[in-house]
Amino acid sequence: MSDLGSFSSNLRRFDEDVRLLCWMNNLGITSVEKAETVEEVMIKVEMDPVAVRSIALKLREHGYLEELRVGDESRFYITPRGILKVMATYT
C-alpha cells in the first residue's frame, strides 16, 4: 500500500474534525499566506463542501483554525493550537 493510502487508512479511526485538521496540516495550510477557501480544501480532501464548512467553523470555535475574510470569501488555516492537536495524533 502507498504511504498516502496508509495515511488515509490510519485517519479513518479519527473523527472528521481531526481528519480535516490532519489533511490541512499535510497540505501545508498552516499560515496566513497559505490560507485556503473551503472549496479549495474540499477538492483536495475529497469531502462534501457543506461538511468541510461545518467542520471548519467548529474547529475555528475551538481555536484550531483561523478564518480570514478576503473580499467576499473566507479562507482558513491551521493555528499553532491546531498544529499541536495534529501532532498529538501521532503519539
Protein backbone atom coordinates (compact mmCIF):
# COMPACT_ATOMS: atom_id res chain seq x y z
CA MET A 1 0.00 0.00 0.00
CA SER A 2 1.29 3.51 -0.75
CA ASP A 3 2.16 5.94 2.02
CA LEU A 4 -0.87 8.04 1.13
CA GLY A 5 -3.15 5.00 1.26
CA SER A 6 -1.71 4.02 4.61
CA PHE A 7 -2.19 7.56 5.90
CA SER A 8 -5.81 7.58 4.72
CA SER A 9 -6.46 4.24 6.40
CA ASN A 10 -4.98 5.45 9.67
CA LEU A 11 -7.08 8.62 9.58
CA ARG A 12 -10.33 6.64 9.50
CA ARG A 13 -10.04 5.99 13.22
CA PHE A 14 -10.37 9.73 13.99
CA ASP A 15 -13.40 11.99 13.96
CA GLU A 16 -13.97 14.06 10.83
CA ASP A 17 -12.72 17.20 12.53
CA VAL A 18 -9.35 15.65 13.39
CA ARG A 19 -9.10 14.11 9.91
CA LEU A 20 -9.67 17.51 8.31
CA LEU A 21 -7.02 19.09 10.55
CA CYS A 22 -4.55 16.33 9.62
CA TRP A 23 -5.23 16.76 5.91
CA MET A 24 -4.86 20.54 6.13
CA ASN A 25 -1.61 20.14 8.06
CA ASN A 26 -0.23 17.68 5.49
CA LEU A 27 -1.24 20.06 2.70
CA GLY A 28 0.71 22.86 4.41
CA ILE A 29 -2.30 25.10 5.14
CA THR A 30 -0.57 26.38 8.25
CA SER A 31 -0.18 30.14 7.85
CA VAL A 32 -2.00 33.27 6.74
CA GLU A 33 -0.13 33.21 3.43
CA LYS A 34 -1.24 29.64 2.74
CA ALA A 35 -4.88 30.00 3.85
CA GLU A 36 -7.41 28.36 1.52
CA THR A 37 -11.13 28.53 0.89
CA VAL A 38 -13.47 25.72 1.87
CA GLU A 39 -13.86 24.91 -1.84
CA GLU A 40 -10.09 24.61 -2.34
CA VAL A 41 -9.76 22.35 0.70
CA MET A 42 -12.81 20.28 -0.27
CA ILE A 43 -11.33 19.43 -3.68
CA LYS A 44 -8.03 18.31 -2.16
CA VAL A 45 -9.51 16.19 0.65
CA GLU A 46 -12.47 14.90 -1.37
CA MET A 47 -15.08 15.80 1.24
CA ASP A 48 -18.52 17.36 0.89
CA PRO A 49 -18.27 21.19 0.89
CA VAL A 50 -21.11 21.54 3.42
CA ALA A 51 -19.31 19.13 5.76
CA VAL A 52 -15.97 20.92 5.30
CA ARG A 53 -17.55 24.32 6.05
CA SER A 54 -19.37 22.97 9.12
CA ILE A 55 -16.24 21.27 10.45
CA ALA A 56 -14.08 24.33 9.70
CA LEU A 57 -16.43 26.59 11.68
CA LYS A 58 -16.42 24.12 14.59
CA LEU A 59 -12.61 23.95 14.52
CA ARG A 60 -12.45 27.75 14.44
CA GLU A 61 -14.64 27.91 17.56
CA HIS A 62 -12.17 25.62 19.35
CA GLY A 63 -9.18 27.70 18.23
CA TYR A 64 -7.75 25.09 15.85
CA LEU A 65 -8.39 27.10 12.68
CA GLU A 66 -8.32 30.80 11.95
CA GLU A 67 -10.66 32.37 9.41
CA LEU A 68 -9.70 35.29 7.18
CA ARG A 69 -12.05 37.37 5.10
CA VAL A 70 -10.58 38.21 1.70
CA GLY A 71 -13.14 40.14 -0.30
CA ASP A 72 -16.27 38.02 -0.35
CA GLU A 73 -14.59 34.75 0.58
CA SER A 74 -13.48 33.09 3.78
CA ARG A 75 -10.07 31.47 3.92
CA PHE A 76 -8.91 29.11 6.67
CA TYR A 77 -5.56 27.99 8.03
CA ILE A 78 -4.42 25.91 10.99
CA THR A 79 -3.40 27.81 14.12
CA PRO A 80 -0.46 26.76 16.32
CA ARG A 81 -3.03 25.16 18.65
CA GLY A 82 -4.40 23.18 15.68
CA ILE A 83 -0.91 22.03 14.75
CA LEU A 84 -0.42 20.76 18.32
CA LYS A 85 -3.72 18.88 18.05
CA VAL A 86 -2.50 17.22 14.84
CA MET A 87 0.87 16.36 16.37
CA ALA A 88 -0.91 14.71 19.31
CA THR A 89 -2.47 12.22 16.87
CA TYR A 90 1.00 10.90 16.02
CA THR A 91 1.86 9.97 19.61
